Amino acid sequence: MSALVGVLGLQGGVSEHIELLQDLGVNTCWVRTPSDLLGADGVRLDAIVLPGGESSVMDRLLRTFELFEPLKQVISDGLPTLGTCAGLILLARTVLDPAPGQRSLGVLDATVRRNAFGSQVDSAEVGLETADGPVKVAFIRAPQVVEVGPEVEVIARRGEAIVGVRSGAITGLAFHPEVTGEPRFHQRLLAEAGFGRLSNAG
């Protein structure tokens, strides 16, 4: 039986995550409403991805579609979750420089700073050593984790900057593995959901 992974589909880079997951043989669905958290035909999601995009726009749309609290609840209840770039910002407990009125889900004990690596023109593909093995990923208007709680593991750095963290079943990445087709973090997400072996890639 294949896993069913939802991708938050309100705004941002949804299709790249869906394509990568489908390449891994995973069933996927877009998540736009509270009922979508049940997955296709009422089958509950095994995991969820929060993609990159505009974190403040995502926050507004989550509240507009009454998805903010249900999403927060299922992640808090242990649904394996991967957040990339804006998805990391959504997960964080504290955002240092929020847009006016911007909120975050507060389910990851970390403090982040938006756009810490510059503007769109500063985007780059880079190689990183991570707890899940060496990867090549894209930084696009990326945030930075500036503080983590005691239960949060740092899994990736770019120089001295923290760019990847994990806490329980939640993984937050400042970068985009889906842009470069890097599957390690999605494979780890599936393992968290019980569809693979939990181990460091390498």
Protein backbone atom coordinates (compact mmCIF):
# COMPACT_ATOMS: atom_id res chain seq x y z
CA MET A 1 0.00 0.00 0.00
CA SER A 2 1.39 3.38 -1.02
CA ALA A 3 1.59 6.36 1.28
CA LEU A 4 -0.74 9.32 0.78
CA VAL A 5 1.06 12.63 1.19
CA GLY A 6 -0.71 15.98 1.08
CA VAL A 7 0.94 19.13 -0.19
CA LEU A 8 -0.41 22.45 1.08
CA GLY A 9 -1.73 23.92 -2.14
CA LEU A 10 -2.75 27.48 -1.32
CA GLN A 11 0.25 29.22 -2.91
CA GLY A 12 3.86 28.62 -3.85
CA GLY A 13 5.90 25.77 -5.29
CA VAL A 14 3.41 22.94 -4.99
CA SER A 15 3.91 21.09 -8.27
CA GLU A 16 7.63 20.44 -7.75
CA HIS A 17 6.93 18.62 -4.48
CA ILE A 18 4.11 16.63 -6.05
CA GLU A 19 6.30 15.59 -8.96
CA LEU A 20 9.14 14.50 -6.67
CA LEU A 21 6.76 12.50 -4.46
CA GLN A 22 5.12 10.86 -7.44
CA ASP A 23 8.57 9.93 -8.76
CA LEU A 24 9.02 8.12 -5.45
CA GLY A 25 5.82 6.18 -6.13
CA VAL A 26 3.72 8.08 -3.61
CA ASN A 27 0.06 9.04 -3.92
CA THR A 28 -0.42 12.78 -3.45
CA CYS A 29 -3.22 15.27 -2.99
CA TRP A 30 -3.51 19.04 -2.75
CA VAL A 31 -4.55 20.41 0.64
CA ARG A 32 -6.67 23.55 0.39
CA THR A 33 -9.52 23.00 2.87
CA PRO A 34 -9.93 21.28 6.26
CA SER A 35 -11.62 18.33 4.58
CA ASP A 36 -8.51 17.80 2.43
CA LEU A 37 -6.63 16.84 5.58
CA LEU A 38 -8.63 13.62 5.41
CA GLY A 39 -7.03 12.95 2.04
CA ALA A 40 -8.59 11.32 -1.01
CA ASP A 41 -11.93 9.56 -0.45
CA GLY A 42 -11.69 10.12 3.29
CA VAL A 43 -8.36 8.28 3.61
CA ARG A 44 -6.28 10.17 6.13
CA LEU A 45 -2.95 11.63 5.12
CA ASP A 46 0.21 9.78 6.09
CA ALA A 47 2.30 12.96 5.88
CA ILE A 48 2.17 16.55 4.65
CA VAL A 49 4.50 18.99 2.90
CA LEU A 50 4.39 22.76 3.39
CA PRO A 51 6.08 24.21 0.28
CA GLY A 52 8.00 27.39 -0.39
CA GLY A 53 6.27 30.58 -1.49
CA GLU A 54 5.22 33.70 0.36
CA SER A 55 4.80 32.85 4.04
CA SER A 56 2.64 35.88 4.82
CA VAL A 57 0.30 35.10 1.91
CA MET A 58 0.07 31.46 2.98
CA ASP A 59 -0.79 32.55 6.51
CA ARG A 60 -3.63 34.79 5.26
CA LEU A 61 -4.99 32.06 3.01
CA LEU A 62 -4.83 29.48 5.79
CA ARG A 63 -7.08 31.69 7.86
CA THR A 64 -9.32 32.63 4.93
CA PHE A 65 -10.00 28.95 4.18
CA GLU A 66 -10.31 28.11 7.91
CA LEU A 67 -7.37 25.75 7.59
CA PHE A 68 -5.00 27.34 10.09
CA GLU A 69 -6.23 25.64 13.27
CA PRO A 70 -6.97 22.20 11.71
CA LEU A 71 -3.51 22.14 10.14
CA LYS A 72 -1.87 23.17 13.39
CA GLN A 73 -3.77 20.42 15.19
CA VAL A 74 -2.85 17.53 12.89
CA ILE A 75 0.83 18.53 12.94
CA SER A 76 0.76 18.90 16.73
CA ASP A 77 -0.84 15.45 16.91
CA GLY A 78 2.18 13.96 15.15
CA LEU A 79 1.48 13.98 11.40
CA PRO A 80 4.91 13.70 9.73
CA THR A 81 5.61 17.12 8.23
CA LEU A 82 8.20 18.62 5.89
CA GLY A 83 8.35 22.40 5.52
CA THR A 84 10.62 24.05 2.95
CA CYS A 85 11.53 27.77 2.94
CA ALA A 86 8.18 29.50 3.56
CA GLY A 87 6.98 26.20 4.99
CA LEU A 88 9.70 26.43 7.64
CA ILE A 89 8.53 29.94 8.51
CA LEU A 90 4.95 28.69 8.87
CA LEU A 91 6.06 25.94 11.24
CA ALA A 92 8.25 28.11 13.50
CA ARG A 93 7.23 29.23 16.95
CA THR A 94 8.68 32.71 16.39
CA VAL A 95 9.24 34.82 13.24
CA LEU A 96 11.59 37.71 13.94
CA ASP A 97 10.47 40.00 11.13
CA PRO A 98 6.87 39.13 10.32
CA ALA A 99 4.78 41.02 7.82
CA PRO A 100 2.03 43.09 9.44
CA GLY A 101 -0.41 40.69 11.10
CA GLN A 102 1.55 37.59 10.07
CA ARG A 103 1.18 34.52 12.25
CA SER A 104 2.88 31.14 12.28
CA LEU A 105 1.61 27.73 13.35
CA GLY A 106 4.06 27.63 16.26
CA VAL A 107 4.52 23.85 16.15
CA LEU A 108 8.33 23.88 15.79
CA ASP A 109 10.38 25.28 18.68
CA ALA A 110 12.56 27.52 16.55
CA THR A 111 13.02 31.20 15.75
CA VAL A 112 13.48 32.16 12.10
CA ARG A 113 14.40 35.28 10.17
CA ARG A 114 12.81 35.75 6.75
CA ASN A 115 14.89 36.43 3.60
CA ALA A 116 18.12 36.01 5.57
CA PHE A 117 20.14 35.07 2.48
CA GLY A 118 19.16 38.01 0.32
CA SER A 119 16.70 38.67 -2.49
CA GLN A 120 15.71 36.64 -5.54
CA VAL A 121 18.89 37.66 -7.39
CA ASP A 122 20.96 36.06 -4.61
CA SER A 123 19.40 32.64 -5.27
CA ALA A 124 21.87 29.78 -5.67
CA GLU A 125 22.21 26.02 -5.88
CA VAL A 126 24.68 24.77 -3.29
CA GLY A 127 26.03 21.55 -1.87
CA LEU A 128 25.43 20.89 1.82
CA GLU A 129 26.44 18.25 4.31
CA THR A 130 23.37 17.27 6.31
CA ALA A 131 22.34 14.70 8.91
CA ASP A 132 20.63 12.87 6.04
CA GLY A 133 23.73 12.89 3.85
CA PRO A 134 25.28 15.23 1.26
CA VAL A 135 22.77 17.10 -0.89
CA LYS A 136 22.55 19.69 -3.64
CA VAL A 137 19.71 22.14 -3.00
CA ALA A 138 18.47 25.59 -3.95
CA PHE A 139 18.35 28.69 -1.75
CA ILE A 140 15.70 31.15 -2.96
CA ARG A 141 15.00 34.15 -0.69
CA ALA A 142 15.74 31.69 2.08
CA PRO A 143 15.08 32.15 5.79
CA GLN A 144 17.56 31.30 8.53
CA VAL A 145 16.99 29.58 11.84
CA VAL A 146 18.56 31.78 14.51
CA GLU A 147 17.54 29.87 17.64
CA VAL A 148 16.25 26.39 18.47
CA GLY A 149 14.68 24.84 21.53
CA PRO A 150 16.25 21.97 23.51
CA GLU A 151 14.29 19.25 21.68
CA VAL A 152 15.20 20.49 18.20
CA GLU A 153 18.06 18.85 16.27
CA VAL A 154 20.11 20.93 13.84
CA ILE A 155 20.44 18.83 10.68
CA ALA A 156 22.02 21.29 8.23
CA ARG A 157 24.14 24.43 8.21
CA ARG A 158 25.30 26.78 5.47
CA GLY A 159 28.51 28.12 6.89
CA GLU A 160 27.59 28.95 10.48
CA ALA A 161 23.91 29.55 9.65
CA ILE A 162 21.36 26.91 10.66
CA VAL A 163 19.31 25.98 7.59
CA GLY A 164 17.76 22.65 8.56
CA VAL A 165 16.15 21.41 11.78
CA ARG A 166 14.14 18.44 12.98
CA SER A 167 11.91 17.94 15.99
CA GLY A 168 10.07 14.65 16.30
CA ALA A 169 8.17 14.10 13.05
CA ILE A 170 8.66 17.71 11.87
CA THR A 171 11.49 18.69 9.53
CA GLY A 172 12.01 22.33 8.57
CA LEU A 173 14.37 23.35 5.76
CA ALA A 174 15.39 26.86 4.72
CA PHE A 175 16.15 25.56 1.24
CA HIS A 176 14.41 23.79 -1.64
CA PRO A 177 15.35 20.13 -2.24
CA GLU A 178 12.47 19.75 -4.69
CA VAL A 179 13.93 22.33 -7.11
CA THR A 180 17.05 20.22 -7.63
CA GLY A 181 15.19 16.90 -7.47
CA GLU A 182 16.92 15.93 -4.21
CA PRO A 183 14.79 13.11 -2.70
CA ARG A 184 16.48 12.47 0.66
CA PHE A 185 14.19 14.62 2.80
CA HIS A 186 11.02 13.35 1.16
CA GLN A 187 12.27 9.80 1.64
CA ARG A 188 12.86 10.60 5.31
CA LEU A 189 9.32 12.00 5.52
CA LEU A 190 7.96 8.72 4.15
CA ALA A 191 10.05 6.78 6.66
CA GLU A 192 8.59 8.91 9.47
CA ALA A 193 5.17 7.87 8.16
CA GLY A 194 6.13 4.20 8.28
CA PHE A 195 6.83 3.72 4.56
CA GLY A 196 10.55 3.13 4.63
CA ARG A 197 13.54 2.67 6.88
CA LEU A 198 14.57 5.50 9.17
CA SER A 199 18.29 5.96 8.69
CA ASN A 200 20.73 8.60 7.54
CA ALA A 201 21.19 8.45 3.80
CA GLY A 202 24.72 7.99 2.61
